[in-house]
PDB file of N, CA and C in Angstrom:
ATOM      1  N   UNK A   1       1.066  17.996  12.357  1.00  0.00           N
ATOM      2  CA  UNK A   1       0.425  19.146  11.844  1.00  0.00           C
ATOM      3  C   UNK A   1      -0.797  19.259  12.420  1.00  0.00           C
ATOM      4  N   UNK A   2      -1.042  20.499  12.992  1.00  0.00           N
ATOM      5  CA  UNK A   2      -2.544  20.606  13.534  1.00  0.00           C
ATOM      6  C   UNK A   2      -3.728  20.880  12.722  1.00  0.00           C
ATOM      7  N   UNK A   3      -4.656  20.393  12.906  1.00  0.00           N
ATOM      8  CA  UNK A   3      -5.710  20.617  12.030  1.00  0.00           C
ATOM      9  C   UNK A   3      -6.212  22.076  12.007  1.00  0.00           C
ATOM     10  N   UNK A   4      -6.231  22.772  13.240  1.00  0.00           N
ATOM     11  CA  UNK A   4      -6.450  24.212  13.340  1.00  0.00           C
ATOM     12  C   UNK A   4      -5.202  24.900  13.700  1.00  0.00           C
ATOM     13  N   UNK A   5      -5.039  26.298  13.312  1.00  0.00           N
ATOM     14  CA  UNK A   5      -4.023  26.976  13.587  1.00  0.00           C
ATOM     15  C   UNK A   5      -3.861  27.136  15.101  1.00  0.00           C
ATOM     16  N   UNK A   6      -2.356  27.212  15.971  1.00  0.00           N
ATOM     17  CA  UNK A   6      -2.550  27.366  17.238  1.00  0.00           C
ATOM     18  C   UNK A   6      -1.873  28.564  17.386  1.00  0.00           C
ATOM     19  N   UNK A   7      -2.055  29.620  16.675  1.00  0.00           N
ATOM     20  CA  UNK A   7      -1.511  30.867  16.968  1.00  0.00           C
ATOM     21  C   UNK A   7      -1.934  31.541  17.906  1.00  0.00           C
ATOM     22  N   UNK A   8      -1.051  32.227  18.935  1.00  0.00           N
ATOM     23  CA  UNK A   8      -1.684  33.062  20.205  1.00  0.00           C
ATOM     24  C   UNK A   8      -1.794  34.621  19.718  1.00  0.00           C
ATOM     25  N   UNK A   9      -2.449  35.240  20.785  1.00  0.00           N
ATOM     26  CA  UNK A   9      -2.350  36.766  20.487  1.00  0.00           C
ATOM     27  C   UNK A   9      -1.059  37.377  20.465  1.00  0.00           C
ATOM     28  N   UNK A  10      -0.224  36.741  21.478  1.00  0.00           N
ATOM     29  CA  UNK A  10       1.238  37.148  21.636  1.00  0.00           C
ATOM     30  C   UNK A  10       2.049  36.843  20.367  1.00  0.00           C
ATOM     31  N   UNK A  11       1.797  35.633  19.768  1.00  0.00           N
ATOM     32  CA  UNK A  11       2.230  35.472  18.375  1.00  0.00           C
ATOM     33  C   UNK A  11       2.069  36.674  17.486  1.00  0.00           C
ATOM     34  N   UNK A  12       0.626  36.892  17.384  1.00  0.00           N
ATOM     35  CA  UNK A  12       0.130  38.066  16.095  1.00  0.00           C
ATOM     36  C   UNK A  12       0.809  39.390  16.892  1.00  0.00           C
ATOM     37  N   UNK A  13       0.948  39.864  17.796  1.00  0.00           N
ATOM     38  CA  UNK A  13       1.373  40.961  18.436  1.00  0.00           C
ATOM     39  C   UNK A  13       2.903  41.166  18.146  1.00  0.00           C
ATOM     40  N   UNK A  14       3.657  40.004  18.401  1.00  0.00           N
ATOM     41  CA  UNK A  14       5.208  40.087  18.052  1.00  0.00           C
ATOM     42  C   UNK A  14       5.309  39.927  16.712  1.00  0.00           C
ATOM     43  N   UNK A  15       4.592  39.064  15.863  1.00  0.00           N
ATOM     44  CA  UNK A  15       5.065  38.863  14.375  1.00  0.00           C
ATOM     45  C   UNK A  15       4.429  40.069  13.583  1.00  0.00           C
ATOM     46  N   UNK A  16       3.281  40.639  13.912  1.00  0.00           N
ATOM     47  CA  UNK A  16       2.647  41.711  13.029  1.00  0.00           C
ATOM     48  C   UNK A  16       2.437  41.295  11.628  1.00  0.00           C
ATOM     49  N   UNK A  17       1.940  40.135  11.517  1.00  0.00           N
ATOM     50  CA  UNK A  17       1.801  39.802  10.122  1.00  0.00           C
ATOM     51  C   UNK A  17       0.963  40.762   9.336  1.00  0.00           C
ATOM     52  N   UNK A  18       1.220  41.266   8.037  1.00  0.00           N
ATOM     53  CA  UNK A  18       0.481  42.067   7.259  1.00  0.00           C
ATOM     54  C   UNK A  18      -0.677  41.596   6.432  1.00  0.00           C
ATOM     55  N   UNK A  19      -0.610  40.439   6.357  1.00  0.00           N
ATOM     56  CA  UNK A  19      -1.681  39.345   5.613  1.00  0.00           C
ATOM     57  C   UNK A  19      -2.137  38.321   6.622  1.00  0.00           C
ATOM     58  N   UNK A  20      -3.580  38.074   6.278  1.00  0.00           N
ATOM     59  CA  UNK A  20      -4.013  37.002   6.871  1.00  0.00           C
ATOM     60  C   UNK A  20      -4.473  36.063   5.683  1.00  0.00           C
ATOM     61  N   UNK A  21      -4.687  34.560   5.876  1.00  0.00           N
ATOM     62  CA  UNK A  21      -4.871  33.718   4.983  1.00  0.00           C
ATOM     63  C   UNK A  21      -6.049  32.875   5.389  1.00  0.00           C
ATOM     64  N   UNK A  22      -7.032  33.041   4.685  1.00  0.00           N
ATOM     65  CA  UNK A  22      -8.325  32.273   4.923  1.00  0.00           C
ATOM     66  C   UNK A  22      -8.697  30.989   4.158  1.00  0.00           C
ATOM     67  N   UNK A  23      -8.469  29.705   4.489  1.00  0.00           N
ATOM     68  CA  UNK A  23      -8.843  28.658   3.770  1.00  0.00           C
ATOM     69  C   UNK A  23     -10.342  28.513   3.638  1.00  0.00           C
ATOM     70  N   UNK A  24     -10.882  28.147   2.575  1.00  0.00           N
ATOM     71  CA  UNK A  24     -12.259  28.105   2.375  1.00  0.00           C
ATOM     72  C   UNK A  24     -12.426  26.904   1.782  1.00  0.00           C
ATOM     73  N   UNK A  25     -13.293  25.815   2.140  1.00  0.00           N
ATOM     74  CA  UNK A  25     -13.380  24.717   1.510  1.00  0.00           C
ATOM     75  C   UNK A  25     -14.958  24.218   1.265  1.00  0.00           C
ATOM     76  N   UNK A  26     -15.253  23.170   1.615  1.00  0.00           N
ATOM     77  CA  UNK A  26     -16.834  22.828   1.550  1.00  0.00           C
ATOM     78  C   UNK A  26     -16.992  21.622   2.453  1.00  0.00           C
ATOM     79  N   UNK A  27     -18.198  20.828   2.510  1.00  0.00           N
ATOM     80  CA  UNK A  27     -18.429  19.842   3.243  1.00  0.00           C
ATOM     81  C   UNK A  27     -19.502  19.095   2.363  1.00  0.00           C
ATOM     82  N   UNK A  28     -19.087  18.624   1.251  1.00  0.00           N
ATOM     83  CA  UNK A  28     -19.954  17.934   0.150  1.00  0.00           C
ATOM     84  C   UNK A  28     -19.270  16.567  -0.203  1.00  0.00           C
ATOM     85  N   UNK A  29     -19.939  15.734  -0.955  1.00  0.00           N
ATOM     86  CA  UNK A  29     -19.627  14.308  -1.422  1.00  0.00           C
ATOM     87  C   UNK A  29     -18.394  14.699  -2.179  1.00  0.00           C
ATOM     88  N   UNK A  30     -17.660  13.437  -2.124  1.00  0.00           N
ATOM     89  CA  UNK A  30     -16.615  13.272  -2.884  1.00  0.00           C
ATOM     90  C   UNK A  30     -16.348  11.881  -3.418  1.00  0.00           C
ATOM     91  N   UNK A  31     -17.510  11.415  -3.546  1.00  0.00           N
ATOM     92  CA  UNK A  31     -17.633   9.863  -4.132  1.00  0.00           C
ATOM     93  C   UNK A  31     -17.579   8.967  -2.894  1.00  0.00           C
ATOM     94  N   UNK A  32     -17.413   7.977  -2.955  1.00  0.00           N
ATOM     95  CA  UNK A  32     -17.734   6.884  -1.706  1.00  0.00           C
ATOM     96  C   UNK A  32     -16.356   6.685  -0.855  1.00  0.00           C
ATOM     97  N   UNK A  33     -15.237   7.343  -1.286  1.00  0.00           N
ATOM     98  CA  UNK A  33     -13.987   6.887  -0.314  1.00  0.00           C
ATOM     99  C   UNK A  33     -13.301   8.252   0.072  1.00  0.00           C
ATOM    100  N   UNK A  34     -13.734   9.453  -0.281  1.00  0.00           N
ATOM    101  CA  UNK A  34     -13.266  10.531   0.087  1.00  0.00           C
ATOM    102  C   UNK A  34     -14.073  11.482   1.050  1.00  0.00           C
ATOM    103  N   UNK A  35     -13.292  11.867   2.220  1.00  0.00           N
ATOM    104  CA  UNK A  35     -14.070  12.498   3.215  1.00  0.00           C
ATOM    105  C   UNK A  35     -14.956  13.592   2.580  1.00  0.00           C
ATOM    106  N   UNK A  36     -16.042  14.143   3.346  1.00  0.00           N
ATOM    107  CA  UNK A  36     -16.897  15.237   2.984  1.00  0.00           C
ATOM    108  C   UNK A  36     -15.965  16.452   2.997  1.00  0.00           C
ATOM    109  N   UNK A  37     -15.081  16.550   3.911  1.00  0.00           N
ATOM    110  CA  UNK A  37     -14.322  17.754   4.099  1.00  0.00           C
ATOM    111  C   UNK A  37     -12.984  17.867   3.211  1.00  0.00           C
ATOM    112  N   UNK A  38     -12.949  17.245   2.145  1.00  0.00           N
ATOM    113  CA  UNK A  38     -11.780  17.056   1.491  1.00  0.00           C
ATOM    114  C   UNK A  38     -11.397  18.492   1.030  1.00  0.00           C
ATOM    115  N   UNK A  39     -12.102  19.160   0.296  1.00  0.00           N
ATOM    116  CA  UNK A  39     -11.783  20.345  -0.076  1.00  0.00           C
ATOM    117  C   UNK A  39     -11.368  21.461   0.955  1.00  0.00           C
ATOM    118  N   UNK A  40     -11.787  21.093   2.248  1.00  0.00           N
ATOM    119  CA  UNK A  40     -11.520  22.137   3.363  1.00  0.00           C
ATOM    120  C   UNK A  40      -9.983  21.734   3.742  1.00  0.00           C
ATOM    121  N   UNK A  41      -9.556  20.117   3.751  1.00  0.00           N
ATOM    122  CA  UNK A  41      -8.184  19.730   3.911  1.00  0.00           C
ATOM    123  C   UNK A  41      -7.269  20.340   3.118  1.00  0.00           C
ATOM    124  N   UNK A  42      -7.665  20.092   1.709  1.00  0.00           N
ATOM    125  CA  UNK A  42      -6.511  20.600   0.902  1.00  0.00           C
ATOM    126  C   UNK A  42      -6.313  22.268   0.949  1.00  0.00           C
ATOM    127  N   UNK A  43      -7.473  22.874   1.141  1.00  0.00           N
ATOM    128  CA  UNK A  43      -7.180  24.305   1.428  1.00  0.00           C
ATOM    129  C   UNK A  43      -6.546  24.732   2.779  1.00  0.00           C
ATOM    130  N   UNK A  44      -6.764  24.003   3.736  1.00  0.00           N
ATOM    131  CA  UNK A  44      -6.161  24.134   5.094  1.00  0.00           C
ATOM    132  C   UNK A  44      -4.530  23.873   4.956  1.00  0.00           C
ATOM    133  N   UNK A  45      -4.288  22.793   4.242  1.00  0.00           N
ATOM    134  CA  UNK A  45      -2.902  22.267   3.994  1.00  0.00           C
ATOM    135  C   UNK A  45      -2.124  23.512   3.368  1.00  0.00           C
ATOM    136  N   UNK A  46      -2.790  23.952   2.233  1.00  0.00           N
ATOM    137  CA  UNK A  46      -1.960  25.069   1.467  1.00  0.00           C
ATOM    138  C   UNK A  46      -1.741  26.473   2.326  1.00  0.00           C
ATOM    139  N   UNK A  47      -2.967  26.597   3.141  1.00  0.00           N
ATOM    140  CA  UNK A  47      -2.864  27.877   4.020  1.00  0.00           C
ATOM    141  C   UNK A  47      -1.719  27.523   4.992  1.00  0.00           C
ATOM    142  N   UNK A  48      -1.512  26.294   5.370  1.00  0.00           N
ATOM    143  CA  UNK A  48      -0.626  26.065   6.549  1.00  0.00           C
ATOM    144  C   UNK A  48       0.636  25.921   5.898  1.00  0.00           C
ATOM    145  N   UNK A  49       1.079  25.672   4.769  1.00  0.00           N
ATOM    146  CA  UNK A  49       2.285  25.817   3.970  1.00  0.00           C
ATOM    147  C   UNK A  49       2.553  27.195   3.877  1.00  0.00           C
ATOM    148  N   UNK A  50       1.745  28.248   3.438  1.00  0.00           N
ATOM    149  CA  UNK A  50       2.131  29.498   3.263  1.00  0.00           C
ATOM    150  C   UNK A  50       2.293  30.049   4.809  1.00  0.00           C
ATOM    151  N   UNK A  51       1.741  29.651   5.661  1.00  0.00           N
ATOM    152  CA  UNK A  51       2.202  30.168   7.223  1.00  0.00           C
ATOM    153  C   UNK A  51       3.380  29.747   7.592  1.00  0.00           C
ATOM    154  N   UNK A  52       3.878  28.681   7.048  1.00  0.00           N
ATOM    155  CA  UNK A  52       5.291  28.099   7.577  1.00  0.00           C
ATOM    156  C   UNK A  52       6.185  28.828   6.690  1.00  0.00           C
ATOM    157  N   UNK A  53       5.969  29.619   5.641  1.00  0.00           N
ATOM    158  CA  UNK A  53       7.095  29.935   4.681  1.00  0.00           C
ATOM    159  C   UNK A  53       6.790  31.647   4.771  1.00  0.00           C
ATOM    160  N   UNK A  54       5.700  32.192   5.258  1.00  0.00           N
ATOM    161  CA  UNK A  54       5.665  33.384   5.295  1.00  0.00           C
ATOM    162  C   UNK A  54       5.078  33.974   6.458  1.00  0.00           C
ATOM    163  N   UNK A  55       5.454  35.457   6.841  1.00  0.00           N
ATOM    164  CA  UNK A  55       4.696  36.127   7.844  1.00  0.00           C
ATOM    165  C   UNK A  55       3.322  36.368   7.816  1.00  0.00           C
ATOM    166  N   UNK A  56       2.611  35.449   7.696  1.00  0.00           N
ATOM    167  CA  UNK A  56       0.890  35.625   7.452  1.00  0.00           C
ATOM    168  C   UNK A  56       0.126  35.149   8.771  1.00  0.00           C
ATOM    169  N   UNK A  57      -0.976  35.595   9.050  1.00  0.00           N
ATOM    170  CA  UNK A  57      -1.611  35.024  10.080  1.00  0.00           C
ATOM    171  C   UNK A  57      -2.735  33.931   9.470  1.00  0.00           C
ATOM    172  N   UNK A  58      -2.470  32.899   9.636  1.00  0.00           N
ATOM    173  CA  UNK A  58      -3.321  31.478   8.939  1.00  0.00           C
ATOM    174  C   UNK A  58      -4.710  31.550   9.932  1.00  0.00           C
ATOM    175  N   UNK A  59      -5.637  31.519   9.421  1.00  0.00           N
ATOM    176  CA  UNK A  59      -7.052  31.648   9.994  1.00  0.00           C
ATOM    177  C   UNK A  59      -7.615  30.115   9.971  1.00  0.00           C
ATOM    178  N   UNK A  60      -8.527  29.770  11.045  1.00  0.00           N
ATOM    179  CA  UNK A  60      -9.049  28.819  10.658  1.00  0.00           C
ATOM    180  C   UNK A  60      -9.966  28.624   9.668  1.00  0.00           C
ATOM    181  N   UNK A  61     -10.338  27.344   8.850  1.00  0.00           N
ATOM    182  CA  UNK A  61     -11.042  27.173   7.797  1.00  0.00           C
ATOM    183  C   UNK A  61     -12.539  27.468   8.050  1.00  0.00           C
ATOM    184  N   UNK A  62     -13.148  27.974   6.845  1.00  0.00           N
ATOM    185  CA  UNK A  62     -14.531  27.984   6.733  1.00  0.00           C
ATOM    186  C   UNK A  62     -14.766  26.640   5.836  1.00  0.00           C
ATOM    187  N   UNK A  63     -15.537  25.855   6.754  1.00  0.00           N
ATOM    188  CA  UNK A  63     -15.590  24.505   6.130  1.00  0.00           C
ATOM    189  C   UNK A  63     -17.071  24.241   5.420  1.00  0.00           C
ATOM    190  N   UNK A  64     -18.068  25.027   5.675  1.00  0.00           N
ATOM    191  CA  UNK A  64     -19.189  24.913   4.858  1.00  0.00           C
ATOM    192  C   UNK A  64     -19.392  25.983   3.908  1.00  0.00           C
ATOM    193  N   UNK A  65     -19.753  25.646   2.694  1.00  0.00           N
ATOM    194  CA  UNK A  65     -19.607  26.702   1.842  1.00  0.00           C
ATOM    195  C   UNK A  65     -20.795  26.392   0.742  1.00  0.00           C
ATOM    196  N   UNK A  66     -20.659  27.103  -0.372  1.00  0.00           N
ATOM    197  CA  UNK A  66     -21.624  26.808  -1.625  1.00  0.00           C
ATOM    198  C   UNK A  66     -21.575  25.723  -2.228  1.00  0.00           C
ATOM    199  N   UNK A  67     -22.349  24.632  -1.801  1.00  0.00           N
ATOM    200  CA  UNK A  67     -22.289  23.120  -2.364  1.00  0.00           C
ATOM    201  C   UNK A  67     -23.763  22.579  -2.901  1.00  0.00           C
ATOM    202  N   UNK A  68     -24.389  23.515  -3.325  1.00  0.00           N
ATOM    203  CA  UNK A  68     -25.762  23.215  -3.661  1.00  0.00           C
ATOM    204  C   UNK A  68     -25.868  22.327  -4.708  1.00  0.00           C
ATOM    205  N   UNK A  69     -24.807  22.259  -5.774  1.00  0.00           N
ATOM    206  CA  UNK A  69     -24.737  21.492  -6.720  1.00  0.00           C
ATOM    207  C   UNK A  69     -24.584  19.842  -6.342  1.00  0.00           C
ATOM    208  N   UNK A  70     -24.328  19.879  -5.139  1.00  0.00           N
ATOM    209  CA  UNK A  70     -24.272  18.418  -4.612  1.00  0.00           C
ATOM    210  C   UNK A  70     -25.510  18.130  -3.403  1.00  0.00           C
ATOM    211  N   UNK A  71     -26.264  19.051  -3.438  1.00  0.00           N
ATOM    212  CA  UNK A  71     -27.214  18.931  -2.371  1.00  0.00           C
ATOM    213  C   UNK A  71     -27.895  17.479  -2.214  1.00  0.00           C
ATOM    214  N   UNK A  72     -27.748  16.610  -3.386  1.00  0.00           N
ATOM    215  CA  UNK A  72     -28.590  15.344  -3.397  1.00  0.00           C
ATOM    216  C   UNK A  72     -27.938  14.234  -2.801  1.00  0.00           C
ATOM    217  N   UNK A  73     -26.677  14.555  -2.586  1.00  0.00           N
ATOM    218  CA  UNK A  73     -25.700  13.495  -1.882  1.00  0.00           C
ATOM    219  C   UNK A  73     -25.832  13.607  -0.347  1.00  0.00           C
ATOM    220  N   UNK A  74     -25.840  12.291   0.289  1.00  0.00           N
ATOM    221  CA  UNK A  74     -26.036  12.485   1.621  1.00  0.00           C
ATOM    222  C   UNK A  74     -24.756  13.100   2.344  1.00  0.00           C
ATOM    223  N   UNK A  75     -24.974  13.840   3.154  1.00  0.00           N
ATOM    224  CA  UNK A  75     -23.977  14.293   3.955  1.00  0.00           C
ATOM    225  C   UNK A  75     -23.640  15.841   3.737  1.00  0.00           C
ATOM    226  N   UNK A  76     -23.877  16.242   2.282  1.00  0.00           N
ATOM    227  CA  UNK A  76     -23.411  17.532   1.910  1.00  0.00           C
ATOM    228  C   UNK A  76     -24.182  18.609   2.631  1.00  0.00           C
ATOM    229  N   UNK A  77     -23.470  19.524   2.996  1.00  0.00           N
ATOM    230  CA  UNK A  77     -24.064  20.661   3.880  1.00  0.00           C
ATOM    231  C   UNK A  77     -23.696  21.826   2.918  1.00  0.00           C
ATOM    232  N   UNK A  78     -24.655  22.762   2.891  1.00  0.00           N
ATOM    233  CA  UNK A  78     -24.501  23.922   2.099  1.00  0.00           C
ATOM    234  C   UNK A  78     -24.791  25.280   2.532  1.00  0.00           C
ATOM    235  N   UNK A  79     -24.449  26.508   2.208  1.00  0.00           N
ATOM    236  CA  UNK A  79     -24.832  27.736   2.793  1.00  0.00           C
ATOM    237  C   UNK A  79     -25.005  28.347   1.341  1.00  0.00           C
ATOM    238  N   UNK A  80     -25.850  29.678   1.330  1.00  0.00           N
ATOM    239  CA  UNK A  80     -25.863  30.591   0.474  1.00  0.00           C
ATOM    240  C   UNK A  80     -24.693  31.305  -0.017  1.00  0.00           C
ATOM    241  N   UNK A  81     -24.476  31.825  -1.139  1.00  0.00           N
ATOM    242  CA  UNK A  81     -23.434  32.525  -1.504  1.00  0.00           C
ATOM    243  C   UNK A  81     -23.498  33.910  -0.924  1.00  0.00           C
ATOM    244  N   UNK A  82     -24.670  34.426  -0.495  1.00  0.00           N
ATOM    245  CA  UNK A  82     -24.714  35.494   0.294  1.00  0.00           C
ATOM    246  C   UNK A  82     -24.244  35.506   1.675  1.00  0.00           C
ATOM    247  N   UNK A  83     -24.636  34.164   2.149  1.00  0.00           N
ATOM    248  CA  UNK A  83     -23.916  33.890   3.642  1.00  0.00           C
ATOM    249  C   UNK A  83     -22.334  33.961   3.633  1.00  0.00           C
ATOM    250  N   UNK A  84     -21.714  33.124   2.607  1.00  0.00           N
ATOM    251  CA  UNK A  84     -20.510  33.158   2.528  1.00  0.00           C
ATOM    252  C   UNK A  84     -19.846  34.394   2.153  1.00  0.00           C
ATOM    253  N   UNK A  85     -20.369  35.204   1.467  1.00  0.00           N
ATOM    254  CA  UNK A  85     -19.879  36.703   1.065  1.00  0.00           C
ATOM    255  C   UNK A  85     -19.807  37.494   2.486  1.00  0.00           C
ATOM    256  N   UNK A  86     -21.105  37.353   3.192  1.00  0.00           N
ATOM    257  CA  UNK A  86     -20.973  37.955   4.447  1.00  0.00           C
ATOM    258  C   UNK A  86     -19.915  37.860   5.339  1.00  0.00           C
ATOM    259  N   UNK A  87     -19.726  36.354   5.433  1.00  0.00           N
ATOM    260  CA  UNK A  87     -18.802  35.842   6.492  1.00  0.00           C
ATOM    261  C   UNK A  87     -17.229  36.396   6.017  1.00  0.00           C
ATOM    262  N   UNK A  88     -17.031  36.253   4.705  1.00  0.00           N
ATOM    263  CA  UNK A  88     -15.722  36.801   4.289  1.00  0.00           C
ATOM    264  C   UNK A  88     -15.650  38.199   4.755  1.00  0.00           C
ATOM    265  N   UNK A  89     -16.426  39.081   4.232  1.00  0.00           N
ATOM    266  CA  UNK A  89     -16.731  40.366   4.651  1.00  0.00           C
ATOM    267  C   UNK A  89     -16.482  40.784   5.968  1.00  0.00           C
ATOM    268  N   UNK A  90     -17.136  39.991   6.859  1.00  0.00           N
ATOM    269  CA  UNK A  90     -16.980  40.367   8.203  1.00  0.00           C
ATOM    270  C   UNK A  90     -15.469  39.770   8.720  1.00  0.00           C
ATOM    271  N   UNK A  91     -14.925  38.866   8.095  1.00  0.00           N
ATOM    272  CA  UNK A  91     -13.683  38.451   8.625  1.00  0.00           C
ATOM    273  C   UNK A  91     -12.629  39.543   8.173  1.00  0.00           C
ATOM    274  N   UNK A  92     -12.865  40.011   7.017  1.00  0.00           N
ATOM    275  CA  UNK A  92     -12.035  41.292   6.321  1.00  0.00           C
ATOM    276  C   UNK A  92     -11.938  42.363   7.261  1.00  0.00           C
ATOM    277  N   UNK A  93     -13.319  42.640   7.630  1.00  0.00           N
ATOM    278  CA  UNK A  93     -13.440  43.890   8.398  1.00  0.00           C
ATOM    279  C   UNK A  93     -12.962  44.123   9.989  1.00  0.00           C
ATOM    280  N   UNK A  94     -13.144  42.617  10.468  1.00  0.00           N
ATOM    281  CA  UNK A  94     -12.473  42.387  11.889  1.00  0.00           C
ATOM    282  C   UNK A  94     -10.817  42.634  11.546  1.00  0.00           C
ATOM    283  N   UNK A  95     -10.335  41.958  10.595  1.00  0.00           N
ATOM    284  CA  UNK A  95      -8.622  41.978  10.630  1.00  0.00           C
ATOM    285  C   UNK A  95      -8.568  43.410  10.242  1.00  0.00           C
ATOM    286  N   UNK A  96      -9.098  44.214   9.554  1.00  0.00           N
ATOM    287  CA  UNK A  96      -8.801  45.415   9.079  1.00  0.00           C
ATOM    288  C   UNK A  96      -8.930  46.517  10.441  1.00  0.00           C
ATOM    289  N   UNK A  97      -9.666  45.981  11.289  1.00  0.00           N
ATOM    290  CA  UNK A  97      -9.486  46.826  12.840  1.00  0.00           C
ATOM    291  C   UNK A  97      -8.499  46.446  13.434  1.00  0.00           C
ATOM    292  N   UNK A  98      -7.777  45.586  13.227  1.00  0.00           N
ATOM    293  CA  UNK A  98      -6.541  44.996  13.942  1.00  0.00           C
ATOM    294  C   UNK A  98      -5.026  45.353  13.011  1.00  0.00           C
ATOM    295  N   UNK A  99      -5.713  46.167  12.153  1.00  0.00           N
ATOM    296  CA  UNK A  99      -4.621  46.680  10.953  1.00  0.00           C
ATOM    297  C   UNK A  99      -3.752  45.510  10.239  1.00  0.00           C
ATOM    298  N   UNK A 100      -4.560  44.286  10.044  1.00  0.00           N
ATOM    299  CA  UNK A 100      -4.057  43.348   8.957  1.00  0.00           C
ATOM    300  C   UNK A 100      -5.101  43.765   7.828  1.00  0.00           C
ATOM    301  N   UNK A 101      -4.606  44.640   6.861  1.00  0.00           N
ATOM    302  CA  UNK A 101      -5.671  45.047   5.827  1.00  0.00           C
ATOM    303  C   UNK A 101      -5.673  44.166   4.502  1.00  0.00           C
ATOM    304  N   UNK A 102      -4.822  43.012   4.473  1.00  0.00           N
ATOM    305  CA  UNK A 102      -4.837  42.321   3.219  1.00  0.00           C
ATOM    306  C   UNK A 102      -5.381  40.715   3.749  1.00  0.00           C
ATOM    307  N   UNK A 103      -5.994  40.217   3.012  1.00  0.00           N
ATOM    308  CA  UNK A 103      -6.886  38.939   3.359  1.00  0.00           C
ATOM    309  C   UNK A 103      -6.593  38.294   2.000  1.00  0.00           C
ATOM    310  N   UNK A 104      -5.736  37.012   1.979  1.00  0.00           N
ATOM    311  CA  UNK A 104      -5.658  36.168   1.082  1.00  0.00           C
ATOM    312  C   UNK A 104      -6.536  34.915   1.222  1.00  0.00           C
ATOM    313  N   UNK A 105      -7.250  34.555   0.227  1.00  0.00           N
ATOM    314  CA  UNK A 105      -8.211  33.361   0.095  1.00  0.00           C
ATOM    315  C   UNK A 105      -7.634  32.346  -0.444  1.00  0.00           C
ATOM    316  N   UNK A 106      -7.776  31.168   0.233  1.00  0.00           N
ATOM    317  CA  UNK A 106      -7.181  29.684  -0.353  1.00  0.00           C
ATOM    318  C   UNK A 106      -8.557  29.172  -0.496  1.00  0.00           C
ATOM    319  N   UNK A 107      -9.130  29.268  -1.678  1.00  0.00           N
ATOM    320  CA  UNK A 107     -10.283  28.436  -1.928  1.00  0.00           C
ATOM    321  C   UNK A 107     -10.122  27.122  -2.581  1.00  0.00           C
ATOM    322  N   UNK A 108     -10.810  26.157  -1.683  1.00  0.00           N
ATOM    323  CA  UNK A 108     -10.551  24.621  -2.306  1.00  0.00           C
ATOM    324  C   UNK A 108     -12.031  24.080  -2.872  1.00  0.00           C
ATOM    325  N   UNK A 109     -12.815  24.998  -3.280  1.00  0.00           N
ATOM    326  CA  UNK A 109     -13.925  24.397  -3.956  1.00  0.00           C
ATOM    327  C   UNK A 109     -14.434  25.396  -4.946  1.00  0.00           C
ATOM    328  N   UNK A 110     -14.619  24.681  -6.282  1.00  0.00           N
ATOM    329  CA  UNK A 110     -15.063  25.595  -7.346  1.00  0.00           C
ATOM    330  C   UNK A 110     -16.352  26.277  -7.211  1.00  0.00           C
ATOM    331  N   UNK A 111     -17.352  25.615  -6.638  1.00  0.00           N
ATOM    332  CA  UNK A 111     -18.680  26.148  -6.235  1.00  0.00           C
ATOM    333  C   UNK A 111     -18.693  27.537  -5.395  1.00  0.00           C
ATOM    334  N   UNK A 112     -17.511  28.016  -5.160  1.00  0.00           N
ATOM    335  CA  UNK A 112     -17.497  29.336  -4.218  1.00  0.00           C
ATOM    336  C   UNK A 112     -17.335  30.398  -5.182  1.00  0.00           C
ATOM    337  N   UNK A 113     -18.075  30.450  -6.422  1.00  0.00           N
ATOM    338  CA  UNK A 113     -17.718  31.589  -7.384  1.00  0.00           C
ATOM    339  C   UNK A 113     -17.818  32.843  -6.725  1.00  0.00           C
ATOM    340  N   UNK A 114     -18.713  33.043  -5.617  1.00  0.00           N
ATOM    341  CA  UNK A 114     -18.815  34.345  -5.087  1.00  0.00           C
ATOM    342  C   UNK A 114     -17.443  34.901  -4.730  1.00  0.00           C
ATOM    343  N   UNK A 115     -16.592  34.162  -4.300  1.00  0.00           N
ATOM    344  CA  UNK A 115     -15.331  34.550  -3.865  1.00  0.00           C
ATOM    345  C   UNK A 115     -14.414  35.494  -4.759  1.00  0.00           C
ATOM    346  N   UNK A 116     -14.673  35.549  -6.078  1.00  0.00           N
ATOM    347  CA  UNK A 116     -14.202  36.300  -7.003  1.00  0.00           C
ATOM    348  C   UNK A 116     -14.486  37.679  -6.700  1.00  0.00           C
ATOM    349  N   UNK A 117     -15.774  37.851  -6.291  1.00  0.00           N
ATOM    350  CA  UNK A 117     -16.094  39.553  -5.887  1.00  0.00           C
ATOM    351  C   UNK A 117     -15.070  40.024  -4.910  1.00  0.00           C
ATOM    352  N   UNK A 118     -14.276  39.069  -4.113  1.00  0.00           N
ATOM    353  CA  UNK A 118     -13.225  39.581  -3.370  1.00  0.00           C
ATOM    354  C   UNK A 118     -11.736  39.429  -3.939  1.00  0.00           C
ATOM    355  N   UNK A 119     -11.539  38.500  -4.479  1.00  0.00           N
ATOM    356  CA  UNK A 119     -10.114  38.186  -5.118  1.00  0.00           C
ATOM    357  C   UNK A 119      -9.896  39.070  -6.334  1.00  0.00           C
ATOM    358  N   UNK A 120     -10.936  39.442  -7.121  1.00  0.00           N
ATOM    359  CA  UNK A 120     -10.716  39.961  -8.358  1.00  0.00           C
ATOM    360  C   UNK A 120     -10.756  41.665  -8.089  1.00  0.00           C
ATOM    361  N   UNK A 121     -10.785  41.989  -6.817  1.00  0.00           N
ATOM    362  CA  UNK A 121     -10.568  43.569  -6.475  1.00  0.00           C
ATOM    363  C   UNK A 121      -9.063  44.095  -6.646  1.00  0.00           C
ATOM    364  N   UNK A 122      -8.911  45.247  -7.207  1.00  0.00           N
ATOM    365  CA  UNK A 122      -7.593  45.789  -7.411  1.00  0.00           C
ATOM    366  C   UNK A 122      -6.831  46.285  -6.272  1.00  0.00           C
TER     367      UNK A 122
END
């Protein structure tokens, strides 16, 4: 299994996926034995499974997100909820310009509460 999607432009042109899947994790402590990217690994695995089962465009993960609650742990890197929100909005706009009008978010980190602003839309 690839760590990143290996989809080509020709794949997207031929398959015309109506939905894109965006895995979002974090880069934060998970104790002394788990990788900092654990949440991203999990979200990416779920997105990859969706991509194998459905005609969706699996996007590369957003690895750094809102992990301020873990900021005192070595290695944790965090961005603001405004930055994460702006990234997701920009991704959605970019996809819409290509006629992919639906974006499914696979969130692997509970601290990304701002994502409900996108997922709770009707």
